[in-house]
Amino acid sequence: MVTLLYLTKKEPLNVTYHEQTGNDNLFDVDQNGDENFSTGNQIGNLNRSDLDQAGDLNTAISFQNGDSNFSNISQSGDENLANTTQIGNMNMSEVFQIGNLNNSTVMQNGNSNTSNVS
């Protein structure tokens, strides 16, 4: 089992929690600001989650169950919430939140789904 987890925290008071089960999964988090929170869970193989937060009080949640899923959440601003759930294989989701108080939820169930929220 090869599991990769990259965390880049440039300010205090940011929190990241992540759990992986499977092989060759990648969870990449970059947090700039204060009191940002990110969490993820990957079950399966070859899944990738990229979570980028710039600002304060942002929340990013990524759940992947299956193989070869990709999720990207990018938040720039304050008090944004993004929640992405992928169940199946080869799903792709991108969420871009710019500004304050944005809220998005993506639910993909099945195979080869694509979503883009901005």
PDB file of N, CA and C in Angstrom:
ATOM      1  N   MET A   1       0.842  -1.164   0.000  1.00  0.00           N
ATOM      2  CA  MET A   1       0.000   0.000   0.000  1.00  0.00           C
ATOM      3  C   MET A   1       0.895   1.237   0.000  1.00  0.00           C
ATOM      4  N   VAL A   2       0.662   2.146  -0.951  1.00  0.00           N
ATOM      5  CA  VAL A   2       1.369   3.415  -0.997  1.00  0.00           C
ATOM      6  C   VAL A   2       0.339   4.512  -0.804  1.00  0.00           C
ATOM      7  N   THR A   3       0.496   5.298   0.233  1.00  0.00           N
ATOM      8  CA  THR A   3      -0.430   6.370   0.537  1.00  0.00           C
ATOM      9  C   THR A   3       0.355   7.664   0.666  1.00  0.00           C
ATOM     10  N   LEU A   4      -0.067   8.679  -0.065  1.00  0.00           N
ATOM     11  CA  LEU A   4       0.610   9.962  -0.039  1.00  0.00           C
ATOM     12  C   LEU A   4      -0.304  11.015   0.551  1.00  0.00           C
ATOM     13  N   LEU A   5       0.238  11.814   1.446  1.00  0.00           N
ATOM     14  CA  LEU A   5      -0.501  12.901   2.060  1.00  0.00           C
ATOM     15  C   LEU A   5       0.418  14.110   2.118  1.00  0.00           C
ATOM     16  N   TYR A   6       0.037  15.192   1.441  1.00  0.00           N
ATOM     17  CA  TYR A   6       0.828  16.416   1.436  1.00  0.00           C
ATOM     18  C   TYR A   6       0.042  17.514   2.137  1.00  0.00           C
ATOM     19  N   LEU A   7       0.651  18.150   3.107  1.00  0.00           N
ATOM     20  CA  LEU A   7       0.012  19.235   3.825  1.00  0.00           C
ATOM     21  C   LEU A   7       0.923  20.454   3.804  1.00  0.00           C
ATOM     22  N   THR A   8       0.356  21.585   3.484  1.00  0.00           N
ATOM     23  CA  THR A   8       1.101  22.832   3.555  1.00  0.00           C
ATOM     24  C   THR A   8       0.265  23.805   4.370  1.00  0.00           C
ATOM     25  N   LYS A   9       0.697  24.095   5.575  1.00  0.00           N
ATOM     26  CA  LYS A   9      -0.020  25.023   6.439  1.00  0.00           C
ATOM     27  C   LYS A   9       0.882  26.218   6.686  1.00  0.00           C
ATOM     28  N   LYS A  10       0.424  27.391   6.287  1.00  0.00           N
ATOM     29  CA  LYS A  10       1.253  28.571   6.409  1.00  0.00           C
ATOM     30  C   LYS A  10       0.816  29.486   7.548  1.00  0.00           C
ATOM     31  N   GLU A  11      -0.273  29.214   8.172  1.00  0.00           N
ATOM     32  CA  GLU A  11      -0.761  30.035   9.273  1.00  0.00           C
ATOM     33  C   GLU A  11      -1.251  29.114  10.397  1.00  0.00           C
ATOM     34  N   PRO A  12      -1.274  29.624  11.629  1.00  0.00           N
ATOM     35  CA  PRO A  12      -1.768  28.798  12.737  1.00  0.00           C
ATOM     36  C   PRO A  12      -3.280  28.646  12.704  1.00  0.00           C
ATOM     37  N   LEU A  13      -3.756  27.730  13.476  1.00  0.00           N
ATOM     38  CA  LEU A  13      -5.184  27.521  13.701  1.00  0.00           C
ATOM     39  C   LEU A  13      -5.939  26.921  12.512  1.00  0.00           C
ATOM     40  N   ASN A  14      -5.253  26.321  11.571  1.00  0.00           N
ATOM     41  CA  ASN A  14      -5.905  25.580  10.506  1.00  0.00           C
ATOM     42  C   ASN A  14      -5.879  24.104  10.871  1.00  0.00           C
ATOM     43  N   VAL A  15      -6.909  23.367  10.459  1.00  0.00           N
ATOM     44  CA  VAL A  15      -7.029  21.958  10.828  1.00  0.00           C
ATOM     45  C   VAL A  15      -7.298  21.124   9.578  1.00  0.00           C
ATOM     46  N   THR A  16      -6.592  19.997   9.482  1.00  0.00           N
ATOM     47  CA  THR A  16      -6.822  19.026   8.415  1.00  0.00           C
ATOM     48  C   THR A  16      -6.920  17.640   9.021  1.00  0.00           C
ATOM     49  N   TYR A  17      -7.937  16.891   8.600  1.00  0.00           N
ATOM     50  CA  TYR A  17      -8.084  15.503   9.016  1.00  0.00           C
ATOM     51  C   TYR A  17      -8.322  14.679   7.758  1.00  0.00           C
ATOM     52  N   HIS A  18      -7.627  13.545   7.654  1.00  0.00           N
ATOM     53  CA  HIS A  18      -7.808  12.709   6.476  1.00  0.00           C
ATOM     54  C   HIS A  18      -7.572  11.246   6.800  1.00  0.00           C
ATOM     55  N   GLU A  19      -8.345  10.388   6.144  1.00  0.00           N
ATOM     56  CA  GLU A  19      -8.202   8.942   6.317  1.00  0.00           C
ATOM     57  C   GLU A  19      -8.208   8.281   4.947  1.00  0.00           C
ATOM     58  N   GLN A  20      -7.301   7.333   4.742  1.00  0.00           N
ATOM     59  CA  GLN A  20      -7.191   6.638   3.463  1.00  0.00           C
ATOM     60  C   GLN A  20      -7.168   5.133   3.679  1.00  0.00           C
ATOM     61  N   THR A  21      -7.878   4.420   2.811  1.00  0.00           N
ATOM     62  CA  THR A  21      -7.838   2.967   2.760  1.00  0.00           C
ATOM     63  C   THR A  21      -7.691   2.578   1.298  1.00  0.00           C
ATOM     64  N   GLY A  22      -6.637   1.850   0.967  1.00  0.00           N
ATOM     65  CA  GLY A  22      -6.410   1.448  -0.416  1.00  0.00           C
ATOM     66  C   GLY A  22      -4.989   1.778  -0.831  1.00  0.00           C
ATOM     67  N   ASN A  23      -4.777   1.822  -2.130  1.00  0.00           N
ATOM     68  CA  ASN A  23      -3.437   2.017  -2.681  1.00  0.00           C
ATOM     69  C   ASN A  23      -3.370   3.243  -3.585  1.00  0.00           C
ATOM     70  N   ASP A  24      -2.213   3.911  -3.550  1.00  0.00           N
ATOM     71  CA  ASP A  24      -1.904   5.000  -4.473  1.00  0.00           C
ATOM     72  C   ASP A  24      -2.905   6.145  -4.425  1.00  0.00           C
ATOM     73  N   ASN A  25      -3.411   6.465  -3.239  1.00  0.00           N
ATOM     74  CA  ASN A  25      -4.289   7.617  -3.071  1.00  0.00           C
ATOM     75  C   ASN A  25      -3.463   8.840  -2.707  1.00  0.00           C
ATOM     76  N   LEU A  26      -3.935  10.027  -3.096  1.00  0.00           N
ATOM     77  CA  LEU A  26      -3.233  11.274  -2.823  1.00  0.00           C
ATOM     78  C   LEU A  26      -4.217  12.298  -2.282  1.00  0.00           C
ATOM     79  N   PHE A  27      -3.848  12.936  -1.178  1.00  0.00           N
ATOM     80  CA  PHE A  27      -4.642  13.996  -0.560  1.00  0.00           C
ATOM     81  C   PHE A  27      -3.712  15.182  -0.360  1.00  0.00           C
ATOM     82  N   ASP A  28      -3.942  16.275  -1.074  1.00  0.00           N
ATOM     83  CA  ASP A  28      -3.054  17.434  -1.071  1.00  0.00           C
ATOM     84  C   ASP A  28      -3.822  18.642  -0.540  1.00  0.00           C
ATOM     85  N   VAL A  29      -3.327  19.234   0.553  1.00  0.00           N
ATOM     86  CA  VAL A  29      -4.005  20.359   1.196  1.00  0.00           C
ATOM     87  C   VAL A  29      -3.048  21.540   1.308  1.00  0.00           C
ATOM     88  N   ASP A  30      -3.540  22.728   0.934  1.00  0.00           N
ATOM     89  CA  ASP A  30      -2.791  23.968   1.111  1.00  0.00           C
ATOM     90  C   ASP A  30      -3.733  24.963   1.784  1.00  0.00           C
ATOM     91  N   GLN A  31      -3.383  25.393   2.995  1.00  0.00           N
ATOM     92  CA  GLN A  31      -4.229  26.310   3.754  1.00  0.00           C
ATOM     93  C   GLN A  31      -3.466  27.588   4.080  1.00  0.00           C
ATOM     94  N   ASN A  32      -4.040  28.728   3.711  1.00  0.00           N
ATOM     95  CA  ASN A  32      -3.500  30.045   4.039  1.00  0.00           C
ATOM     96  C   ASN A  32      -4.608  30.853   4.703  1.00  0.00           C
ATOM     97  N   GLY A  33      -4.383  31.320   5.894  1.00  0.00           N
ATOM     98  CA  GLY A  33      -5.384  32.071   6.625  1.00  0.00           C
ATOM     99  C   GLY A  33      -5.555  31.497   8.010  1.00  0.00           C
ATOM    100  N   ASP A  34      -6.688  31.786   8.625  1.00  0.00           N
ATOM    101  CA  ASP A  34      -6.956  31.327   9.990  1.00  0.00           C
ATOM    102  C   ASP A  34      -8.260  30.542  10.063  1.00  0.00           C
ATOM    103  N   GLU A  35      -8.226  29.528  10.906  1.00  0.00           N
ATOM    104  CA  GLU A  35      -9.403  28.735  11.243  1.00  0.00           C
ATOM    105  C   GLU A  35     -10.057  28.082  10.030  1.00  0.00           C
ATOM    106  N   ASN A  36      -9.255  27.643   9.076  1.00  0.00           N
ATOM    107  CA  ASN A  36      -9.761  26.842   7.966  1.00  0.00           C
ATOM    108  C   ASN A  36      -9.795  25.386   8.405  1.00  0.00           C
ATOM    109  N   PHE A  37     -10.750  24.630   7.853  1.00  0.00           N
ATOM    110  CA  PHE A  37     -10.912  23.221   8.201  1.00  0.00           C
ATOM    111  C   PHE A  37     -11.070  22.414   6.922  1.00  0.00           C
ATOM    112  N   SER A  38     -10.351  21.311   6.828  1.00  0.00           N
ATOM    113  CA  SER A  38     -10.553  20.396   5.707  1.00  0.00           C
ATOM    114  C   SER A  38     -10.527  18.968   6.224  1.00  0.00           C
ATOM    115  N   THR A  39     -11.340  18.141   5.594  1.00  0.00           N
ATOM    116  CA  THR A  39     -11.376  16.730   5.960  1.00  0.00           C
ATOM    117  C   THR A  39     -11.631  15.907   4.711  1.00  0.00           C
ATOM    118  N   GLY A  40     -11.101  14.697   4.715  1.00  0.00           N
ATOM    119  CA  GLY A  40     -11.294  13.824   3.570  1.00  0.00           C
ATOM    120  C   GLY A  40     -11.229  12.368   3.968  1.00  0.00           C
ATOM    121  N   ASN A  41     -11.847  11.558   3.139  1.00  0.00           N
ATOM    122  CA  ASN A  41     -11.823  10.122   3.318  1.00  0.00           C
ATOM    123  C   ASN A  41     -11.751   9.494   1.936  1.00  0.00           C
ATOM    124  N   GLN A  42     -10.756   8.655   1.731  1.00  0.00           N
ATOM    125  CA  GLN A  42     -10.582   7.969   0.452  1.00  0.00           C
ATOM    126  C   GLN A  42     -10.585   6.466   0.701  1.00  0.00           C
ATOM    127  N   ILE A  43     -11.491   5.783   0.024  1.00  0.00           N
ATOM    128  CA  ILE A  43     -11.583   4.327   0.091  1.00  0.00           C
ATOM    129  C   ILE A  43     -11.467   3.818  -1.338  1.00  0.00           C
ATOM    130  N   GLY A  44     -10.455   3.013  -1.605  1.00  0.00           N
ATOM    131  CA  GLY A  44     -10.239   2.515  -2.958  1.00  0.00           C
ATOM    132  C   GLY A  44      -8.814   2.789  -3.392  1.00  0.00           C
ATOM    133  N   ASN A  45      -8.626   2.875  -4.689  1.00  0.00           N
ATOM    134  CA  ASN A  45      -7.289   3.014  -5.257  1.00  0.00           C
ATOM    135  C   ASN A  45      -7.227   4.169  -6.256  1.00  0.00           C
ATOM    136  N   LEU A  46      -6.063   4.798  -6.328  1.00  0.00           N
ATOM    137  CA  LEU A  46      -5.779   5.826  -7.334  1.00  0.00           C
ATOM    138  C   LEU A  46      -6.725   7.023  -7.261  1.00  0.00           C
ATOM    139  N   ASN A  47      -7.168   7.381  -6.064  1.00  0.00           N
ATOM    140  CA  ASN A  47      -8.003   8.567  -5.888  1.00  0.00           C
ATOM    141  C   ASN A  47      -7.119   9.761  -5.575  1.00  0.00           C
ATOM    142  N   ARG A  48      -7.597  10.967  -5.970  1.00  0.00           N
ATOM    143  CA  ARG A  48      -6.847  12.194  -5.705  1.00  0.00           C
ATOM    144  C   ARG A  48      -7.804  13.288  -5.247  1.00  0.00           C
ATOM    145  N   SER A  49      -7.416  13.966  -4.162  1.00  0.00           N
ATOM    146  CA  SER A  49      -8.144  15.138  -3.680  1.00  0.00           C
ATOM    147  C   SER A  49      -7.161  16.278  -3.506  1.00  0.00           C
ATOM    148  N   ASP A  50      -7.484  17.430  -4.100  1.00  0.00           N
ATOM    149  CA  ASP A  50      -6.708  18.653  -3.922  1.00  0.00           C
ATOM    150  C   ASP A  50      -7.612  19.682  -3.261  1.00  0.00           C
ATOM    151  N   LEU A  51      -7.203  20.175  -2.091  1.00  0.00           N
ATOM    152  CA  LEU A  51      -7.986  21.167  -1.365  1.00  0.00           C
ATOM    153  C   LEU A  51      -7.110  22.385  -1.108  1.00  0.00           C
ATOM    154  N   ASP A  52      -7.509  23.526  -1.657  1.00  0.00           N
ATOM    155  CA  ASP A  52      -6.770  24.773  -1.488  1.00  0.00           C
ATOM    156  C   ASP A  52      -7.675  25.798  -0.823  1.00  0.00           C
ATOM    157  N   GLN A  53      -7.208  26.361   0.291  1.00  0.00           N
ATOM    158  CA  GLN A  53      -7.989  27.340   1.033  1.00  0.00           C
ATOM    159  C   GLN A  53      -7.152  28.588   1.291  1.00  0.00           C
ATOM    160  N   ALA A  54      -7.672  29.745   0.890  1.00  0.00           N
ATOM    161  CA  ALA A  54      -7.038  31.030   1.158  1.00  0.00           C
ATOM    162  C   ALA A  54      -8.092  31.951   1.740  1.00  0.00           C
ATOM    163  N   GLY A  55      -7.915  32.343   2.966  1.00  0.00           N
ATOM    164  CA  GLY A  55      -8.900  33.159   3.666  1.00  0.00           C
ATOM    165  C   GLY A  55      -9.108  32.611   5.060  1.00  0.00           C
ATOM    166  N   ASP A  56     -10.251  32.913   5.637  1.00  0.00           N
ATOM    167  CA  ASP A  56     -10.539  32.509   7.002  1.00  0.00           C
ATOM    168  C   ASP A  56     -11.870  31.768   7.091  1.00  0.00           C
ATOM    169  N   LEU A  57     -11.929  30.828   8.016  1.00  0.00           N
ATOM    170  CA  LEU A  57     -13.171  30.118   8.358  1.00  0.00           C
ATOM    171  C   LEU A  57     -13.780  29.356   7.184  1.00  0.00           C
ATOM    172  N   ASN A  58     -12.954  28.816   6.302  1.00  0.00           N
ATOM    173  CA  ASN A  58     -13.439  28.003   5.194  1.00  0.00           C
ATOM    174  C   ASN A  58     -13.502  26.530   5.615  1.00  0.00           C
ATOM    175  N   THR A  59     -14.441  25.782   5.009  1.00  0.00           N
ATOM    176  CA  THR A  59     -14.568  24.352   5.258  1.00  0.00           C
ATOM    177  C   THR A  59     -14.616  23.616   3.923  1.00  0.00           C
ATOM    178  N   ALA A  60     -13.745  22.607   3.775  1.00  0.00           N
ATOM    179  CA  ALA A  60     -13.721  21.769   2.570  1.00  0.00           C
ATOM    180  C   ALA A  60     -13.800  20.308   2.997  1.00  0.00           C
ATOM    181  N   ILE A  61     -14.735  19.574   2.387  1.00  0.00           N
ATOM    182  CA  ILE A  61     -14.962  18.170   2.718  1.00  0.00           C
ATOM    183  C   ILE A  61     -14.928  17.353   1.432  1.00  0.00           C
ATOM    184  N   SER A  62     -14.131  16.284   1.418  1.00  0.00           N
ATOM    185  CA  SER A  62     -14.038  15.421   0.241  1.00  0.00           C
ATOM    186  C   SER A  62     -14.147  13.961   0.670  1.00  0.00           C
ATOM    187  N   PHE A  63     -15.099  13.231   0.072  1.00  0.00           N
ATOM    188  CA  PHE A  63     -15.263  11.807   0.334  1.00  0.00           C
ATOM    189  C   PHE A  63     -15.232  11.068  -0.997  1.00  0.00           C
ATOM    190  N   GLN A  64     -14.368  10.069  -1.104  1.00  0.00           N
ATOM    191  CA  GLN A  64     -14.258   9.275  -2.323  1.00  0.00           C
ATOM    192  C   GLN A  64     -14.299   7.797  -1.969  1.00  0.00           C
ATOM    193  N   ASN A  65     -15.171   7.054  -2.644  1.00  0.00           N
ATOM    194  CA  ASN A  65     -15.273   5.614  -2.460  1.00  0.00           C
ATOM    195  C   ASN A  65     -15.317   4.981  -3.845  1.00  0.00           C
ATOM    196  N   GLY A  66     -14.237   4.332  -4.223  1.00  0.00           N
ATOM    197  CA  GLY A  66     -14.113   3.742  -5.554  1.00  0.00           C
ATOM    198  C   GLY A  66     -12.682   3.898  -6.033  1.00  0.00           C
ATOM    199  N   ASP A  67     -12.502   3.859  -7.333  1.00  0.00           N
ATOM    200  CA  ASP A  67     -11.166   3.938  -7.913  1.00  0.00           C
ATOM    201  C   ASP A  67     -11.073   5.064  -8.940  1.00  0.00           C
ATOM    202  N   SER A  68      -9.908   5.680  -8.991  1.00  0.00           N
ATOM    203  CA  SER A  68      -9.567   6.680 -10.016  1.00  0.00           C
ATOM    204  C   SER A  68     -10.498   7.884 -10.021  1.00  0.00           C
ATOM    205  N   ASN A  69     -10.876   8.364  -8.840  1.00  0.00           N
ATOM    206  CA  ASN A  69     -11.686   9.573  -8.733  1.00  0.00           C
ATOM    207  C   ASN A  69     -10.781  10.778  -8.524  1.00  0.00           C
ATOM    208  N   PHE A  70     -11.236  11.955  -8.987  1.00  0.00           N
ATOM    209  CA  PHE A  70     -10.491  13.195  -8.812  1.00  0.00           C
ATOM    210  C   PHE A  70     -11.421  14.268  -8.274  1.00  0.00           C
ATOM    211  N   SER A  71     -10.985  14.952  -7.219  1.00  0.00           N
ATOM    212  CA  SER A  71     -11.750  16.048  -6.639  1.00  0.00           C
ATOM    213  C   SER A  71     -10.826  17.228  -6.378  1.00  0.00           C
ATOM    214  N   ASN A  72     -11.240  18.416  -6.826  1.00  0.00           N
ATOM    215  CA  ASN A  72     -10.486  19.634  -6.584  1.00  0.00           C
ATOM    216  C   ASN A  72     -11.424  20.662  -5.970  1.00  0.00           C
ATOM    217  N   ILE A  73     -11.060  21.165  -4.791  1.00  0.00           N
ATOM    218  CA  ILE A  73     -11.815  22.240  -4.148  1.00  0.00           C
ATOM    219  C   ILE A  73     -10.858  23.405  -3.937  1.00  0.00           C
ATOM    220  N   SER A  74     -11.206  24.573  -4.475  1.00  0.00           N
ATOM    221  CA  SER A  74     -10.391  25.772  -4.327  1.00  0.00           C
ATOM    222  C   SER A  74     -11.264  26.880  -3.741  1.00  0.00           C
ATOM    223  N   GLN A  75     -10.869  27.376  -2.577  1.00  0.00           N
ATOM    224  CA  GLN A  75     -11.641  28.409  -1.888  1.00  0.00           C
ATOM    225  C   GLN A  75     -10.767  29.640  -1.666  1.00  0.00           C
ATOM    226  N   SER A  76     -11.259  30.797  -2.093  1.00  0.00           N
ATOM    227  CA  SER A  76     -10.556  32.057  -1.894  1.00  0.00           C
ATOM    228  C   SER A  76     -11.561  33.064  -1.348  1.00  0.00           C
ATOM    229  N   GLY A  77     -11.460  33.351  -0.078  1.00  0.00           N
ATOM    230  CA  GLY A  77     -12.405  34.229   0.598  1.00  0.00           C
ATOM    231  C   GLY A  77     -12.637  33.730   2.004  1.00  0.00           C
ATOM    232  N   ASP A  78     -13.747  34.116   2.587  1.00  0.00           N
ATOM    233  CA  ASP A  78     -14.041  33.768   3.968  1.00  0.00           C
ATOM    234  C   ASP A  78     -15.384  33.052   4.093  1.00  0.00           C
ATOM    235  N   GLU A  79     -15.430  32.108   5.040  1.00  0.00           N
ATOM    236  CA  GLU A  79     -16.657  31.411   5.429  1.00  0.00           C
ATOM    237  C   GLU A  79     -17.324  30.676   4.264  1.00  0.00           C
ATOM    238  N   ASN A  80     -16.525  30.035   3.435  1.00  0.00           N
ATOM    239  CA  ASN A  80     -17.042  29.226   2.343  1.00  0.00           C
ATOM    240  C   ASN A  80     -17.154  27.772   2.794  1.00  0.00           C
ATOM    241  N   LEU A  81     -18.109  27.046   2.219  1.00  0.00           N
ATOM    242  CA  LEU A  81     -18.313  25.632   2.512  1.00  0.00           C
ATOM    243  C   LEU A  81     -18.423  24.866   1.205  1.00  0.00           C
ATOM    244  N   ALA A  82     -17.604  23.829   1.050  1.00  0.00           N
ATOM    245  CA  ALA A  82     -17.672  22.956  -0.129  1.00  0.00           C
ATOM    246  C   ALA A  82     -17.647  21.511   0.345  1.00  0.00           C
ATOM    247  N   ASN A  83     -18.575  20.718  -0.164  1.00  0.00           N
ATOM    248  CA  ASN A  83     -18.699  19.315   0.218  1.00  0.00           C
ATOM    249  C   ASN A  83     -18.838  18.483  -1.060  1.00  0.00           C
ATOM    250  N   THR A  84     -17.886  17.571  -1.289  1.00  0.00           N
ATOM    251  CA  THR A  84     -17.891  16.731  -2.483  1.00  0.00           C
ATOM    252  C   THR A  84     -17.896  15.265  -2.079  1.00  0.00           C
ATOM    253  N   THR A  85     -18.856  14.514  -2.628  1.00  0.00           N
ATOM    254  CA  THR A  85     -18.946  13.072  -2.392  1.00  0.00           C
ATOM    255  C   THR A  85     -18.928  12.355  -3.736  1.00  0.00           C
ATOM    256  N   GLN A  86     -18.022  11.383  -3.866  1.00  0.00           N
ATOM    257  CA  GLN A  86     -17.924  10.589  -5.092  1.00  0.00           C
ATOM    258  C   GLN A  86     -17.985   9.113  -4.721  1.00  0.00           C
ATOM    259  N   ILE A  87     -18.978   8.423  -5.265  1.00  0.00           N
ATOM    260  CA  ILE A  87     -19.128   6.988  -5.047  1.00  0.00           C
ATOM    261  C   ILE A  87     -19.163   6.332  -6.415  1.00  0.00           C
ATOM    262  N   GLY A  88     -18.161   5.534  -6.708  1.00  0.00           N
ATOM    263  CA  GLY A  88     -18.039   4.910  -8.024  1.00  0.00           C
ATOM    264  C   GLY A  88     -16.614   5.058  -8.519  1.00  0.00           C
ATOM    265  N   ASN A  89     -16.449   5.000  -9.828  1.00  0.00           N
ATOM    266  CA  ASN A  89     -15.117   5.020 -10.429  1.00  0.00           C
ATOM    267  C   ASN A  89     -15.001   6.104 -11.493  1.00  0.00           C
ATOM    268  N   MET A  90     -13.805   6.667 -11.597  1.00  0.00           N
ATOM    269  CA  MET A  90     -13.460   7.617 -12.657  1.00  0.00           C
ATOM    270  C   MET A  90     -14.380   8.843 -12.684  1.00  0.00           C
ATOM    271  N   ASN A  91     -14.726   9.360 -11.505  1.00  0.00           N
ATOM    272  CA  ASN A  91     -15.508  10.585 -11.403  1.00  0.00           C
ATOM    273  C   ASN A  91     -14.569  11.773 -11.259  1.00  0.00           C
ATOM    274  N   MET A  92     -15.009  12.941 -11.749  1.00  0.00           N
ATOM    275  CA  MET A  92     -14.214  14.153 -11.649  1.00  0.00           C
ATOM    276  C   MET A  92     -15.092  15.299 -11.181  1.00  0.00           C
ATOM    277  N   SER A  93     -14.620  16.019 -10.162  1.00  0.00           N
ATOM    278  CA  SER A  93     -15.361  17.164  -9.650  1.00  0.00           C
ATOM    279  C   SER A  93     -14.411  18.312  -9.359  1.00  0.00           C
ATOM    280  N   GLU A  94     -14.794  19.515  -9.805  1.00  0.00           N
ATOM    281  CA  GLU A  94     -14.029  20.710  -9.504  1.00  0.00           C
ATOM    282  C   GLU A  94     -14.970  21.767  -8.936  1.00  0.00           C
ATOM    283  N   VAL A  95     -14.575  22.343  -7.805  1.00  0.00           N
ATOM    284  CA  VAL A  95     -15.355  23.395  -7.154  1.00  0.00           C
ATOM    285  C   VAL A  95     -14.437  24.589  -6.944  1.00  0.00           C
ATOM    286  N   PHE A  96     -14.844  25.748  -7.477  1.00  0.00           N
ATOM    287  CA  PHE A  96     -14.090  26.988  -7.313  1.00  0.00           C
ATOM    288  C   PHE A  96     -14.997  28.000  -6.618  1.00  0.00           C
ATOM    289  N   GLN A  97     -14.594  28.421  -5.432  1.00  0.00           N
ATOM    290  CA  GLN A  97     -15.360  29.404  -4.677  1.00  0.00           C
ATOM    291  C   GLN A  97     -14.507  30.650  -4.478  1.00  0.00           C
ATOM    292  N   ILE A  98     -14.987  31.776  -4.996  1.00  0.00           N
ATOM    293  CA  ILE A  98     -14.294  33.045  -4.851  1.00  0.00           C
ATOM    294  C   ILE A  98     -15.253  34.015  -4.187  1.00  0.00           C
ATOM    295  N   GLY A  99     -14.808  34.650  -3.130  1.00  0.00           N
ATOM    296  CA  GLY A  99     -15.656  35.568  -2.379  1.00  0.00           C
ATOM    297  C   GLY A  99     -15.997  34.972  -1.023  1.00  0.00           C
ATOM    298  N   ASN A 100     -17.070  35.464  -0.446  1.00  0.00           N
ATOM    299  CA  ASN A 100     -17.445  35.068   0.900  1.00  0.00           C
ATOM    300  C   ASN A 100     -18.807  34.387   0.930  1.00  0.00           C
ATOM    301  N   LEU A 101     -18.969  33.489   1.899  1.00  0.00           N
ATOM    302  CA  LEU A 101     -20.248  32.846   2.202  1.00  0.00           C
ATOM    303  C   LEU A 101     -20.800  32.000   1.054  1.00  0.00           C
ATOM    304  N   ASN A 102     -19.930  31.398   0.252  1.00  0.00           N
ATOM    305  CA  ASN A 102     -20.374  30.478  -0.788  1.00  0.00           C
ATOM    306  C   ASN A 102     -20.621  29.100  -0.174  1.00  0.00           C
ATOM    307  N   ASN A 103     -21.571  28.362  -0.746  1.00  0.00           N
ATOM    308  CA  ASN A 103     -21.918  27.032  -0.249  1.00  0.00           C
ATOM    309  C   ASN A 103     -22.191  26.131  -1.446  1.00  0.00           C
ATOM    310  N   SER A 104     -21.511  24.992  -1.515  1.00  0.00           N
ATOM    311  CA  SER A 104     -21.771  24.051  -2.611  1.00  0.00           C
ATOM    312  C   SER A 104     -21.702  22.622  -2.101  1.00  0.00           C
ATOM    313  N   THR A 105     -22.538  21.785  -2.699  1.00  0.00           N
ATOM    314  CA  THR A 105     -22.553  20.354  -2.404  1.00  0.00           C
ATOM    315  C   THR A 105     -22.599  19.606  -3.725  1.00  0.00           C
ATOM    316  N   VAL A 106     -21.671  18.674  -3.916  1.00  0.00           N
ATOM    317  CA  VAL A 106     -21.628  17.842  -5.117  1.00  0.00           C
ATOM    318  C   VAL A 106     -21.761  16.388  -4.686  1.00  0.00           C
ATOM    319  N   MET A 107     -22.698  15.660  -5.310  1.00  0.00           N
ATOM    320  CA  MET A 107     -22.876  14.232  -5.051  1.00  0.00           C
ATOM    321  C   MET A 107     -22.815  13.497  -6.379  1.00  0.00           C
ATOM    322  N   GLN A 108     -21.794  12.655  -6.536  1.00  0.00           N
ATOM    323  CA  GLN A 108     -21.654  11.851  -7.751  1.00  0.00           C
ATOM    324  C   GLN A 108     -21.769  10.379  -7.355  1.00  0.00           C
ATOM    325  N   ASN A 109     -22.695   9.689  -7.990  1.00  0.00           N
ATOM    326  CA  ASN A 109     -22.910   8.277  -7.714  1.00  0.00           C
ATOM    327  C   ASN A 109     -22.937   7.548  -9.054  1.00  0.00           C
ATOM    328  N   GLY A 110     -21.999   6.617  -9.242  1.00  0.00           N
ATOM    329  CA  GLY A 110     -21.878   5.907 -10.506  1.00  0.00           C
ATOM    330  C   GLY A 110     -20.480   6.084 -11.057  1.00  0.00           C
ATOM    331  N   ASN A 111     -20.346   5.931 -12.361  1.00  0.00           N
ATOM    332  CA  ASN A 111     -19.041   5.974 -12.984  1.00  0.00           C
ATOM    333  C   ASN A 111     -18.941   7.071 -14.029  1.00  0.00           C
ATOM    334  N   SER A 112     -17.760   7.659 -14.151  1.00  0.00           N
ATOM    335  CA  SER A 112     -17.422   8.622 -15.195  1.00  0.00           C
ATOM    336  C   SER A 112     -18.306   9.879 -15.161  1.00  0.00           C
ATOM    337  N   ASN A 113     -18.681  10.342 -13.971  1.00  0.00           N
ATOM    338  CA  ASN A 113     -19.431  11.588 -13.838  1.00  0.00           C
ATOM    339  C   ASN A 113     -18.450  12.757 -13.803  1.00  0.00           C
ATOM    340  N   THR A 114     -18.925  13.927 -14.265  1.00  0.00           N
ATOM    341  CA  THR A 114     -18.121  15.142 -14.252  1.00  0.00           C
ATOM    342  C   THR A 114     -18.967  16.289 -13.723  1.00  0.00           C
ATOM    343  N   SER A 115     -18.371  17.109 -12.840  1.00  0.00           N
ATOM    344  CA  SER A 115     -19.047  18.313 -12.376  1.00  0.00           C
ATOM    345  C   SER A 115     -18.046  19.439 -12.261  1.00  0.00           C
ATOM    346  N   ASN A 116     -18.542  20.659 -12.511  1.00  0.00           N
ATOM    347  CA  ASN A 116     -17.728  21.853 -12.382  1.00  0.00           C
ATOM    348  C   ASN A 116     -18.607  22.942 -11.772  1.00  0.00           C
ATOM    349  N   VAL A 117     -18.250  23.384 -10.567  1.00  0.00           N
ATOM    350  CA  VAL A 117     -19.013  24.404  -9.864  1.00  0.00           C
ATOM    351  C   VAL A 117     -18.111  25.608  -9.698  1.00  0.00           C
ATOM    352  N   SER A 118     -18.611  26.778 -10.139  1.00  0.00           N
ATOM    353  CA  SER A 118     -17.835  27.997  -9.924  1.00  0.00           C
ATOM    354  C   SER A 118     -18.760  29.190  -9.767  1.00  0.00           C
TER     355      SER A 118
END
